[in-house]
Each structure stands twice: as C-alpha cells, then as structure tokens.
C-alpha atoms as a PDB file:
ATOM      1  CA  MET A   1    -143.301-105.743-176.780  1.00  0.00           C
ATOM      2  CA  ILE A   2    -145.853-106.171-174.019  1.00  0.00           C
ATOM      3  CA  ARG A   3    -148.186-103.161-173.764  1.00  0.00           C
ATOM      4  CA  GLU A   4    -150.823-102.108-171.255  1.00  0.00           C
ATOM      5  CA  ARG A   5    -152.899 -99.010-170.533  1.00  0.00           C
ATOM      6  CA  ALA A   6    -152.409 -97.264-167.225  1.00  0.00           C
ATOM      7  CA  VAL A   7    -153.399 -94.132-165.326  1.00  0.00           C
ATOM      8  CA  VAL A   8    -150.591 -92.001-163.902  1.00  0.00           C
ATOM      9  CA  GLN A   9    -150.989 -91.745-160.128  1.00  0.00           C
ATOM     10  CA  GLU A  10    -147.984 -89.581-159.259  1.00  0.00           C
ATOM     11  CA  LEU A  11    -144.564 -88.529-160.487  1.00  0.00           C
ATOM     12  CA  THR A  12    -142.012 -89.965-158.043  1.00  0.00           C
ATOM     13  CA  ALA A  13    -138.878 -88.557-159.704  1.00  0.00           C
ATOM     14  CA  PRO A  14    -138.086 -86.625-162.894  1.00  0.00           C
ATOM     15  CA  ASP A  15    -137.730 -89.937-164.755  1.00  0.00           C
ATOM     16  CA  ARG A  16    -140.144 -92.167-162.776  1.00  0.00           C
ATOM     17  CA  ALA A  17    -143.889 -92.368-162.223  1.00  0.00           C
ATOM     18  CA  LEU A  18    -146.340 -94.545-160.344  1.00  0.00           C
ATOM     19  CA  VAL A  19    -149.095 -95.829-162.611  1.00  0.00           C
ATOM     20  CA  GLN A  20    -152.223 -97.836-161.929  1.00  0.00           C
ATOM     21  CA  VAL A  21    -152.637-100.727-164.360  1.00  0.00           C
ATOM     22  CA  LYS A  22    -155.986-102.414-164.772  1.00  0.00           C
ATOM     23  CA  ARG A  23    -155.704-106.168-165.172  1.00  0.00           C
ATOM     24  CA  THR A  24    -156.862-107.183-168.624  1.00  0.00           C
ATOM     25  CA  GLU A  25    -157.920-110.309-170.474  1.00  0.00           C
ATOM     26  CA  ALA A  26    -154.234-111.131-170.936  1.00  0.00           C
ATOM     27  CA  CYS A  27    -154.083-111.745-167.192  1.00  0.00           C
ATOM     28  CA  ALA A  28    -156.704-114.489-167.497  1.00  0.00           C
ATOM     29  CA  GLY A  29    -154.384-116.567-169.684  1.00  0.00           C
ATOM     30  CA  CYS A  30    -151.230-115.888-167.671  1.00  0.00           C
ATOM     31  CA  ALA A  31    -149.800-118.738-165.632  1.00  0.00           C
ATOM     32  CA  ALA A  32    -148.681-116.256-162.953  1.00  0.00           C
ATOM     33  CA  ARG A  33    -152.090-114.650-162.384  1.00  0.00           C
ATOM     34  CA  GLY A  34    -152.351-116.324-158.976  1.00  0.00           C
ATOM     35  CA  MET A  35    -149.202-114.518-157.822  1.00  0.00           C
ATOM     36  CA  CYS A  36    -150.606-111.133-158.777  1.00  0.00           C
ATOM     37  CA  HIS A  37    -153.838-112.021-156.987  1.00  0.00           C
ATOM     38  CA  ALA A  38    -151.902-113.132-153.897  1.00  0.00           C
ATOM     39  CA  LEU A  39    -149.749-110.017-153.872  1.00  0.00           C
ATOM     40  CA  GLY A  40    -152.433-107.548-154.893  1.00  0.00           C
ATOM     41  CA  GLY A  41    -155.409-108.803-152.946  1.00  0.00           C
ATOM     42  CA  GLN A  42    -158.878-108.625-154.462  1.00  0.00           C
ATOM     43  CA  SER A  43    -158.228-105.456-156.465  1.00  0.00           C
ATOM     44  CA  LYS A  44    -158.302-105.589-160.239  1.00  0.00           C
ATOM     45  CA  ASP A  45    -155.695-102.826-160.374  1.00  0.00           C
ATOM     46  CA  VAL A  46    -151.953-102.973-159.762  1.00  0.00           C
ATOM     47  CA  VAL A  47    -149.715 -99.966-159.010  1.00  0.00           C
ATOM     48  CA  VAL A  48    -146.351-100.125-160.788  1.00  0.00           C
ATOM     49  CA  GLU A  49    -143.352 -97.805-160.891  1.00  0.00           C
ATOM     50  CA  VAL A  50    -142.322 -97.084-164.492  1.00  0.00           C
ATOM     51  CA  LEU A  51    -139.718 -95.078-166.356  1.00  0.00           C
ATOM     52  CA  ASN A  52    -141.036 -91.772-167.584  1.00  0.00           C
ATOM     53  CA  ASP A  53    -139.190 -90.086-170.427  1.00  0.00           C
ATOM     54  CA  LYS A  54    -142.261 -88.097-171.484  1.00  0.00           C
ATOM     55  CA  THR A  55    -142.020 -84.532-170.217  1.00  0.00           C
ATOM     56  CA  ASN A  56    -145.721 -83.765-170.499  1.00  0.00           C
ATOM     57  CA  VAL A  57    -147.053 -86.583-168.285  1.00  0.00           C
ATOM     58  CA  LYS A  58    -149.023 -85.588-165.202  1.00  0.00           C
ATOM     59  CA  PRO A  59    -151.223 -87.375-162.658  1.00  0.00           C
ATOM     60  CA  GLY A  60    -154.506 -88.524-164.158  1.00  0.00           C
ATOM     61  CA  ASP A  61    -153.172 -88.989-167.697  1.00  0.00           C
ATOM     62  CA  ILE A  62    -153.971 -92.244-169.435  1.00  0.00           C
ATOM     63  CA  VAL A  63    -150.761 -93.674-170.859  1.00  0.00           C
ATOM     64  CA  GLU A  64    -149.484 -96.758-172.617  1.00  0.00           C
ATOM     65  CA  ILE A  65    -146.706 -98.601-170.813  1.00  0.00           C
ATOM     66  CA  SER A  66    -144.575-101.332-172.331  1.00  0.00           C
ATOM     67  CA  ILE A  67    -141.703-103.669-171.587  1.00  0.00           C
ATOM     68  CA  PRO A  68    -139.624-105.497-174.206  1.00  0.00           C
ATOM     69  CA  SER A  69    -140.658-109.135-174.580  1.00  0.00           C
ATOM     70  CA  SER A  70    -137.065-110.317-174.293  1.00  0.00           C
ATOM     71  CA  SER A  71    -136.610-108.636-170.901  1.00  0.00           C
ATOM     72  CA  PHE A  72    -139.934-109.999-169.701  1.00  0.00           C
ATOM     73  CA  LEU A  73    -139.071-113.542-170.807  1.00  0.00           C
ATOM     74  CA  LYS A  74    -135.621-113.411-169.182  1.00  0.00           C
ATOM     75  CA  SER A  75    -137.174-112.297-165.919  1.00  0.00           C
ATOM     76  CA  MET A  76    -139.866-114.972-166.060  1.00  0.00           C
ATOM     77  CA  SER A  77    -137.282-117.682-166.699  1.00  0.00           C
ATOM     78  CA  VAL A  78    -135.313-116.576-163.643  1.00  0.00           C
ATOM     79  CA  ILE A  79    -138.477-116.565-161.533  1.00  0.00           C
ATOM     80  CA  TYR A  80    -140.003-119.833-162.773  1.00  0.00           C
ATOM     81  CA  MET A  81    -137.690-122.019-164.868  1.00  0.00           C
ATOM     82  CA  ILE A  82    -134.396-121.778-163.006  1.00  0.00           C
ATOM     83  CA  PRO A  83    -135.859-122.755-159.597  1.00  0.00           C
ATOM     84  CA  VAL A  84    -137.609-125.781-161.129  1.00  0.00           C
ATOM     85  CA  MET A  85    -134.433-126.868-162.914  1.00  0.00           C
ATOM     86  CA  ALA A  86    -132.413-126.333-159.725  1.00  0.00           C
ATOM     87  CA  LEU A  87    -134.929-128.404-157.775  1.00  0.00           C
ATOM     88  CA  MET A  88    -134.622-131.276-160.241  1.00  0.00           C
ATOM     89  CA  ALA A  89    -130.833-131.041-160.502  1.00  0.00           C
ATOM     90  CA  GLY A  90    -130.522-130.910-156.706  1.00  0.00           C
ATOM     91  CA  LEU A  91    -132.771-133.947-156.409  1.00  0.00           C
ATOM     92  CA  PHE A  92    -130.752-136.084-158.799  1.00  0.00           C
ATOM     93  CA  ILE A  93    -127.377-134.915-157.489  1.00  0.00           C
ATOM     94  CA  GLY A  94    -128.521-135.495-153.912  1.00  0.00           C
ATOM     95  CA  ILE A  95    -129.687-139.028-154.729  1.00  0.00           C
ATOM     96  CA  TYR A  96    -126.428-139.788-156.538  1.00  0.00           C
ATOM     97  CA  ILE A  97    -124.263-138.513-153.673  1.00  0.00           C
ATOM     98  CA  ALA A  98    -126.382-140.297-151.052  1.00  0.00           C
ATOM     99  CA  LYS A  99    -126.106-143.653-152.878  1.00  0.00           C
ATOM    100  CA  ASN A 100    -122.459-143.526-153.891  1.00  0.00           C
ATOM    101  CA  PHE A 101    -120.637-141.517-151.250  1.00  0.00           C
ATOM    102  CA  CYS A 102    -122.646-141.090-148.046  1.00  0.00           C
ATOM    103  CA  HIS A 103    -124.462-144.437-147.938  1.00  0.00           C
ATOM    104  CA  ILE A 104    -127.632-142.868-146.594  1.00  0.00           C
ATOM    105  CA  ASP A 105    -131.201-143.225-147.771  1.00  0.00           C
ATOM    106  CA  PRO A 106    -131.436-141.736-151.290  1.00  0.00           C
ATOM    107  CA  SER A 107    -134.737-140.043-150.372  1.00  0.00           C
ATOM    108  CA  ILE A 108    -133.004-137.989-147.691  1.00  0.00           C
ATOM    109  CA  GLY A 109    -130.161-137.177-150.082  1.00  0.00           C
ATOM    110  CA  GLY A 110    -132.681-136.123-152.729  1.00  0.00           C
ATOM    111  CA  LEU A 111    -134.542-133.944-150.244  1.00  0.00           C
ATOM    112  CA  LEU A 112    -131.361-132.247-149.045  1.00  0.00           C
ATOM    113  CA  GLY A 113    -130.135-131.801-152.617  1.00  0.00           C
ATOM    114  CA  SER A 114    -133.462-130.265-153.645  1.00  0.00           C
ATOM    115  CA  VAL A 115    -133.430-127.809-150.747  1.00  0.00           C
ATOM    116  CA  ILE A 116    -129.851-126.795-151.558  1.00  0.00           C
ATOM    117  CA  GLY A 117    -130.646-126.470-155.272  1.00  0.00           C
ATOM    118  CA  VAL A 118    -133.694-124.277-154.686  1.00  0.00           C
ATOM    119  CA  SER A 119    -131.773-122.161-152.155  1.00  0.00           C
ATOM    120  CA  ILE A 120    -129.052-121.539-154.712  1.00  0.00           C
ATOM    121  CA  ALA A 121    -131.684-120.691-157.360  1.00  0.00           C
ATOM    122  CA  PHE A 122    -133.378-118.141-155.090  1.00  0.00           C
ATOM    123  CA  ALA A 123    -130.007-116.597-154.193  1.00  0.00           C
ATOM    124  CA  PHE A 124    -129.341-116.300-157.933  1.00  0.00           C
ATOM    125  CA  ALA A 125    -132.786-114.774-158.517  1.00  0.00           C
ATOM    126  CA  ARG A 126    -132.139-112.208-155.786  1.00  0.00           C
ATOM    127  CA  TRP A 127    -128.773-111.316-157.333  1.00  0.00           C
ATOM    128  CA  TYR A 128    -130.357-111.095-160.799  1.00  0.00           C
ATOM    129  CA  ASP A 129    -133.123-108.841-159.475  1.00  0.00           C
ATOM    130  CA  ARG A 130    -130.603-106.418-158.001  1.00  0.00           C
ATOM    131  CA  LYS A 131    -128.635-106.409-161.252  1.00  0.00           C
ATOM    132  CA  ALA A 132    -131.752-105.974-163.422  1.00  0.00           C
ATOM    133  CA  HIS A 133    -133.151-103.237-161.173  1.00  0.00           C
ATOM    134  CA  ASN A 134    -130.383-100.915-162.374  1.00  0.00           C
ATOM    135  CA  LYS A 135    -130.913-101.637-166.079  1.00  0.00           C
ATOM    136  CA  PRO A 136    -133.565 -99.586-167.891  1.00  0.00           C
ATOM    137  CA  GLU A 137    -134.462-102.416-170.293  1.00  0.00           C
ATOM    138  CA  TYR A 138    -136.030-104.345-167.394  1.00  0.00           C
ATOM    139  CA  TRP A 139    -138.290-101.474-166.299  1.00  0.00           C
ATOM    140  CA  PRO A 140    -141.701-100.828-167.830  1.00  0.00           C
ATOM    141  CA  LYS A 141    -141.677 -97.528-169.693  1.00  0.00           C
ATOM    142  CA  ILE A 142    -144.316 -94.975-170.628  1.00  0.00           C
ATOM    143  CA  THR A 143    -144.321 -95.166-174.420  1.00  0.00           C
ATOM    144  CA  ARG A 144    -147.081 -92.690-175.227  1.00  0.00           C
ATOM    145  CA  VAL A 145    -149.774 -90.537-173.731  1.00  0.00           C
ATOM    146  CA  ILE A 146    -153.209 -91.757-174.802  1.00  0.00           C
ATOM    147  CA  GLU A 147    -155.289 -89.067-173.116  1.00  0.00           C
ATOM    148  CA  ASN A 148    -154.173 -85.950-171.269  1.00  0.00           C
ATOM    149  CA  ASN A 149    -156.040 -84.973-168.155  1.00  0.00           C
ATOM    150  CA  ASN A 150    -156.797 -81.267-167.947  1.00  0.00           C
ATOM    151  CA  GLU A 151    -158.083 -81.372-164.367  1.00  0.00           C
ATOM    152  CA  SER A 152    -156.040 -80.650-161.248  1.00  0.00           C
ATOM    153  CA  ALA A 153    -153.844 -83.447-159.875  1.00  0.00           C
ATOM    154  CA  SER A 154    -155.790 -83.742-156.613  1.00  0.00           C
ATOM    155  CA  SER A 155    -159.011 -84.708-158.367  1.00  0.00           C
ATOM    156  CA  THR A 156    -157.435 -87.283-160.674  1.00  0.00           C
ATOM    157  CA  ILE A 157    -156.095 -89.870-158.260  1.00  0.00           C
ATOM    158  CA  SER A 158    -159.363 -91.821-158.217  1.00  0.00           C
ATOM    159  CA  ARG A 159    -159.931 -91.520-161.978  1.00  0.00           C
ATOM    160  CA  ASP A 160    -161.285 -94.678-163.581  1.00  0.00           C
ATOM    161  CA  PHE A 161    -160.070 -96.379-166.721  1.00  0.00           C
ATOM    162  CA  PRO A 162    -162.009 -95.826-169.924  1.00  0.00           C
ATOM    163  CA  GLU A 163    -163.770 -98.922-171.155  1.00  0.00           C
END
C-alpha cells in the first residue's frame, strides 16, 4: 500500500475530495519524477482527486491517502512497460516484414513498425485508463484523518503541511 499525507482542499462530491499532496522523499527515488515536474510545474505540491468514504472530512483536514500497490504497479506497467515492449516488437516485426515481404530497406520497415506498435500501445493505454477510471481500486482513497481542522473552510485553503 502506497501512503501519503495530504491536505483536503475541497469536497467535490459526497464520495470525492480534492487533496493537496506534498511531494516527499519517495519522489526523489521515483523514475517518473520528471513527469510530475513537467505536469506540475515548479510547485512541490500536487492536487489529486481521491475517494472519500470518511464522513467527517472537511477542507483543511490533514489526511492519509493510499492506493494499493498492485493497482499502482498495473497502472505503471501500462504507462511505461507496454509502450516500450510495443516499440521493440514493432521494430522487429517491421524489419522482418520489410526484408521478407516488401523488399524495402529494413530501417524504414523498423521505423514504421515501431510507430505502429507505439500507436497501438497508446490506444491500449487510453482504453485501460477509461476502464480503470470507473474502478475504485485504481483511485487513491482517504484512509484516515490525521488532524481535524477546526477553523472555517475559507481560511484553510492555503494551510501548510506540518513538518
């Protein structure tokens, strides 16, 4: 189970909340940290929508969010491993077809095969994302409230994380 601390920003639905997650030391060792930096700019915080089955959560509360490791690993394999494997498979299939059937330069066949393979992988990733979006096991979830905020919601949006 992957766990992080977050501050509740707002409740978007009865079972959903937007939380602000501070990037931690775990981010430093993550191979995908560049993607978060590219998508999130210079900020050290990321806003994430999570499932909220806790009835007493309100904006400003410090909560623990988690996602099952198996769901996280499946998602990461779809994002990273499958496109690389499709690239390699497309390359070798393209070279084979170019040599044996089309009688064109194998480099061009490999390039075309790679492009087709990666295109298929990204189409699969898009399909998988839509399928996973509807399954609760792929959503981060608020697992517990660490600290309740007793102030009004309007004054808690800019609340900092405890060190």
